[in-house]
Amino acid sequence: MRKSEKREKIIGLLNNHFPNPDVPLDHKDPYTLLIAVLLSAQCTDERVNIVTPKLFKIASNPLDMQDLSQDAIYKIIKPCGLGPQKSKAIKKLSQILVREYAGEVPQEIKQLEKLPGVGHKTASVVVAQAFGIPSFPVDTHIHRCAQRWGLTSGKNVKTTESDLKKFFPIEEWNKLHIQIIMYARKHCSARSCFGLECPICTTCYPNRKSKFLHKKP
């Protein structure tokens, strides 16, 4: 299958399954999205969406959040896991936003990556979904599907991000990021399909007979 044909088929199938994808993390602005994405590390979106309303009821902006003690933040976010690290990061990044950015979330990935607890994936999600800046955050779901669909060499998530940006048109990146995550969870999960069952896997590789062997990120 030609590269252009594969691209069109994948985009078409994703649009059929998830034509209007929404960010699965509840938020109202760039700051609340930043906090929600930070909390989602090693935690389900469903649990984050249970915890964040309790946190944002008390502090939904960096000015109010910086005034909370780390212990107060920890008690609320504890169900999300990694509570000590996340509560420390939330308080410190809120202080930095107030002190250095007038309480606003910066729109530059490099600036976001300098904030405590904010890695490249988190920063990429924020610029893409809060500011509409083209980005292609890669999590384990996207990394897995990109390998199964033959879109990357699969060496690591950095390589996968670069490969996907080359494969898909830039105007589709932000939408595709959400679509692939949703598709992966429903149709091409880590514990099913294995490159043999879902519509995209079978479209890309109709003659594949054995389970796809993944390269871990």
Protein backbone atom coordinates (compact mmCIF):
# COMPACT_ATOMS: atom_id res chain seq x y z
CA MET A 1 0.00 0.00 0.00
CA ARG A 2 1.32 3.43 -0.94
CA LYS A 3 2.06 5.92 1.80
CA SER A 4 -0.59 8.37 0.58
CA GLU A 5 -3.20 5.61 0.37
CA LYS A 6 -2.45 4.41 3.88
CA ARG A 7 -2.67 7.98 5.22
CA GLU A 8 -6.04 8.56 3.59
CA LYS A 9 -7.44 5.26 4.86
CA ILE A 10 -6.27 5.85 8.45
CA ILE A 11 -7.62 9.41 8.56
CA GLY A 12 -10.89 8.25 7.00
CA LEU A 13 -11.38 5.44 9.53
CA LEU A 14 -10.52 7.70 12.46
CA ASN A 15 -12.98 10.33 11.22
CA ASN A 16 -15.66 7.66 10.87
CA HIS A 17 -15.15 6.39 14.41
CA PHE A 18 -14.46 9.73 16.14
CA PRO A 19 -15.52 12.64 13.90
CA ASN A 20 -15.55 15.31 16.63
CA PRO A 21 -13.13 14.25 19.35
CA ASP A 22 -12.99 16.17 22.61
CA VAL A 23 -10.15 16.32 25.13
CA PRO A 24 -11.07 13.59 27.64
CA LEU A 25 -9.85 15.66 30.58
CA ASP A 26 -12.37 18.16 31.95
CA HIS A 27 -11.02 21.71 32.04
CA LYS A 28 -12.10 25.30 31.45
CA ASP A 29 -8.87 27.07 30.49
CA PRO A 30 -5.15 26.46 29.82
CA TYR A 31 -4.27 26.37 33.52
CA THR A 32 -6.87 23.78 34.50
CA LEU A 33 -5.88 21.71 31.46
CA LEU A 34 -2.23 21.88 32.49
CA ILE A 35 -3.06 20.64 35.99
CA ALA A 36 -5.35 17.91 34.68
CA VAL A 37 -2.74 16.61 32.23
CA LEU A 38 -0.09 16.65 34.96
CA LEU A 39 -2.39 14.61 37.20
CA SER A 40 -3.12 12.12 34.42
CA ALA A 41 0.41 10.69 34.51
CA GLN A 42 0.03 7.01 35.50
CA CYS A 43 -3.65 7.65 36.21
CA THR A 44 -6.87 7.22 34.23
CA ASP A 45 -8.68 10.21 32.77
CA GLU A 46 -11.83 9.07 34.58
CA ARG A 47 -10.17 9.32 37.96
CA VAL A 48 -8.61 12.69 37.14
CA ASN A 49 -12.07 13.99 36.20
CA ILE A 50 -13.36 12.91 39.61
CA VAL A 51 -10.52 14.60 41.48
CA THR A 52 -10.11 17.90 39.62
CA PRO A 53 -13.55 19.38 40.44
CA LYS A 54 -12.68 19.09 44.13
CA LEU A 55 -9.32 20.75 43.58
CA PHE A 56 -10.59 23.49 41.26
CA LYS A 57 -13.45 24.33 43.60
CA ILE A 58 -10.79 25.52 46.05
CA ALA A 59 -8.20 26.80 43.56
CA SER A 60 -8.72 27.00 39.81
CA ASN A 61 -5.97 29.50 39.02
CA PRO A 62 -2.27 29.78 39.90
CA LEU A 63 -2.80 32.71 42.27
CA ASP A 64 -5.13 30.71 44.51
CA MET A 65 -3.21 27.46 44.07
CA GLN A 66 0.08 28.92 45.24
CA ASP A 67 -1.58 29.88 48.53
CA LEU A 68 -2.56 26.28 49.28
CA SER A 69 -0.14 24.16 51.27
CA GLN A 70 1.42 21.20 49.52
CA ASP A 71 -0.29 18.97 52.07
CA ALA A 72 -3.71 20.43 51.25
CA ILE A 73 -3.15 19.78 47.54
CA TYR A 74 -1.88 16.27 48.28
CA LYS A 75 -4.97 15.32 50.30
CA ILE A 76 -7.20 16.13 47.32
CA ILE A 77 -5.12 14.63 44.51
CA LYS A 78 -3.94 11.52 46.38
CA PRO A 79 -6.29 9.18 44.43
CA CYS A 80 -4.43 10.07 41.22
CA GLY A 81 -1.22 8.46 42.45
CA LEU A 82 2.27 9.95 42.80
CA GLY A 83 0.68 12.44 45.19
CA PRO A 84 3.83 13.81 46.85
CA GLN A 85 5.54 14.57 43.55
CA LYS A 86 2.43 15.93 41.84
CA SER A 87 1.35 18.14 44.76
CA LYS A 88 4.85 19.62 44.99
CA ALA A 89 4.93 20.27 41.24
CA ILE A 90 1.46 21.87 41.21
CA LYS A 91 2.33 24.29 43.99
CA LYS A 92 5.74 25.20 42.55
CA LEU A 93 4.58 25.65 38.94
CA SER A 94 1.72 27.85 40.20
CA GLN A 95 4.21 30.04 42.04
CA ILE A 96 6.34 30.31 38.91
CA LEU A 97 3.35 31.21 36.72
CA VAL A 98 2.40 34.02 39.10
CA ARG A 99 5.94 35.27 39.54
CA GLU A 100 7.23 35.00 35.95
CA TYR A 101 4.18 34.91 33.67
CA ALA A 102 1.63 37.18 35.39
CA GLY A 103 -0.47 34.12 36.21
CA GLU A 104 -0.81 33.04 32.57
CA VAL A 105 0.21 29.70 31.07
CA PRO A 106 2.93 30.24 28.44
CA GLN A 107 2.25 29.08 24.90
CA GLU A 108 5.79 27.94 24.12
CA ILE A 109 6.62 24.26 24.60
CA LYS A 110 10.13 25.04 25.81
CA GLN A 111 8.81 27.42 28.47
CA LEU A 112 6.24 24.88 29.62
CA GLU A 113 8.88 22.15 29.85
CA LYS A 114 10.79 24.25 32.37
CA LEU A 115 7.86 24.11 34.81
CA PRO A 116 8.06 21.49 37.58
CA GLY A 117 6.36 18.23 36.67
CA VAL A 118 5.81 19.23 33.04
CA GLY A 119 7.47 17.01 30.46
CA HIS A 120 7.40 17.20 26.68
CA LYS A 121 4.15 15.25 26.29
CA THR A 122 2.29 17.38 28.84
CA ALA A 123 3.60 20.59 27.28
CA SER A 124 2.60 19.36 23.82
CA VAL A 125 -0.94 18.52 24.93
CA VAL A 126 -1.37 21.98 26.45
CA VAL A 127 -0.16 23.94 23.42
CA ALA A 128 -2.24 21.77 21.09
CA GLN A 129 -5.52 21.62 22.97
CA ALA A 130 -5.46 24.91 24.91
CA PHE A 131 -3.92 27.17 22.26
CA GLY A 132 -4.52 25.34 18.98
CA ILE A 133 -0.81 25.26 18.14
CA PRO A 134 0.02 22.22 15.95
CA SER A 135 1.64 19.51 18.03
CA PHE A 136 1.61 15.72 18.18
CA PRO A 137 1.93 14.48 21.78
CA VAL A 138 2.77 10.78 21.88
CA ASP A 139 1.64 8.59 24.76
CA THR A 140 1.79 4.81 25.06
CA HIS A 141 -1.49 4.40 23.13
CA ILE A 142 -0.26 6.41 20.14
CA HIS A 143 3.18 4.79 20.26
CA ARG A 144 1.58 1.33 20.19
CA CYS A 145 -0.75 2.08 17.29
CA ALA A 146 1.92 3.85 15.28
CA GLN A 147 4.01 0.68 15.47
CA ARG A 148 1.11 -1.64 14.61
CA TRP A 149 0.12 0.53 11.66
CA GLY A 150 3.67 0.72 10.31
CA LEU A 151 4.04 4.48 10.78
CA THR A 152 7.24 4.49 12.82
CA SER A 153 10.39 2.51 13.49
CA GLY A 154 9.23 2.44 17.11
CA LYS A 155 12.60 3.09 18.76
CA ASN A 156 11.16 5.56 21.29
CA VAL A 157 8.34 8.10 21.65
CA LYS A 158 10.59 10.90 20.36
CA THR A 159 11.15 9.00 17.13
CA THR A 160 7.44 8.16 16.90
CA GLU A 161 6.48 11.83 17.29
CA SER A 162 8.89 12.82 14.53
CA ASP A 163 7.64 10.05 12.22
CA LEU A 164 3.97 10.91 12.77
CA LYS A 165 4.61 14.60 12.09
CA LYS A 166 6.20 13.64 8.77
CA PHE A 167 3.41 11.21 7.88
CA PHE A 168 0.33 13.32 8.68
CA PRO A 169 -0.43 16.88 7.48
CA ILE A 170 0.20 19.53 10.13
CA GLU A 171 -3.39 20.79 10.08
CA GLU A 172 -4.55 17.34 11.26
CA TRP A 173 -2.11 16.85 14.14
CA ASN A 174 -4.18 18.17 17.04
CA LYS A 175 -7.31 16.29 16.03
CA LEU A 176 -5.44 13.08 15.23
CA HIS A 177 -3.75 13.06 18.62
CA ILE A 178 -7.12 12.75 20.37
CA GLN A 179 -8.60 10.44 17.74
CA ILE A 180 -5.79 7.90 17.93
CA ILE A 181 -5.94 7.78 21.74
CA MET A 182 -9.70 7.18 21.63
CA TYR A 183 -9.35 4.60 18.88
CA ALA A 184 -6.54 2.79 20.68
CA ARG A 185 -8.53 2.50 23.89
CA LYS A 186 -11.62 1.16 22.17
CA HIS A 187 -10.34 -0.86 19.21
CA CYS A 188 -6.58 -1.44 19.44
CA SER A 189 -5.72 -1.78 23.10
CA ALA A 190 -2.53 -3.14 24.61
CA ARG A 191 -4.27 -6.38 25.57
CA SER A 192 -6.19 -7.00 22.38
CA CYS A 193 -5.94 -6.77 18.59
CA PHE A 194 -2.13 -7.18 18.53
CA GLY A 195 -2.19 -5.91 14.98
CA LEU A 196 -4.62 -8.58 13.81
CA GLU A 197 -8.19 -7.49 14.53
CA CYS A 198 -9.08 -3.79 14.46
CA PRO A 199 -10.20 -2.04 11.24
CA ILE A 200 -7.03 0.03 10.85
CA CYS A 201 -4.62 -2.84 11.52
CA THR A 202 -6.42 -5.12 9.08
CA THR A 203 -6.63 -2.34 6.49
CA CYS A 204 -2.93 -1.53 6.72
CA TYR A 205 -1.82 -5.17 6.89
CA PRO A 206 -4.54 -7.48 5.53
CA ASN A 207 -2.10 -10.39 5.18
CA ARG A 208 -0.60 -10.18 8.68
CA LYS A 209 -0.93 -13.61 10.33
CA SER A 210 0.97 -13.42 13.63
CA LYS A 211 0.81 -11.03 16.56
CA PHE A 212 2.77 -7.81 16.15
CA LEU A 213 5.84 -7.63 18.40
CA HIS A 214 6.19 -4.18 19.93
CA LYS A 215 9.24 -2.14 20.73
CA LYS A 216 8.74 -0.51 24.10
CA PRO A 217 9.09 3.29 24.34
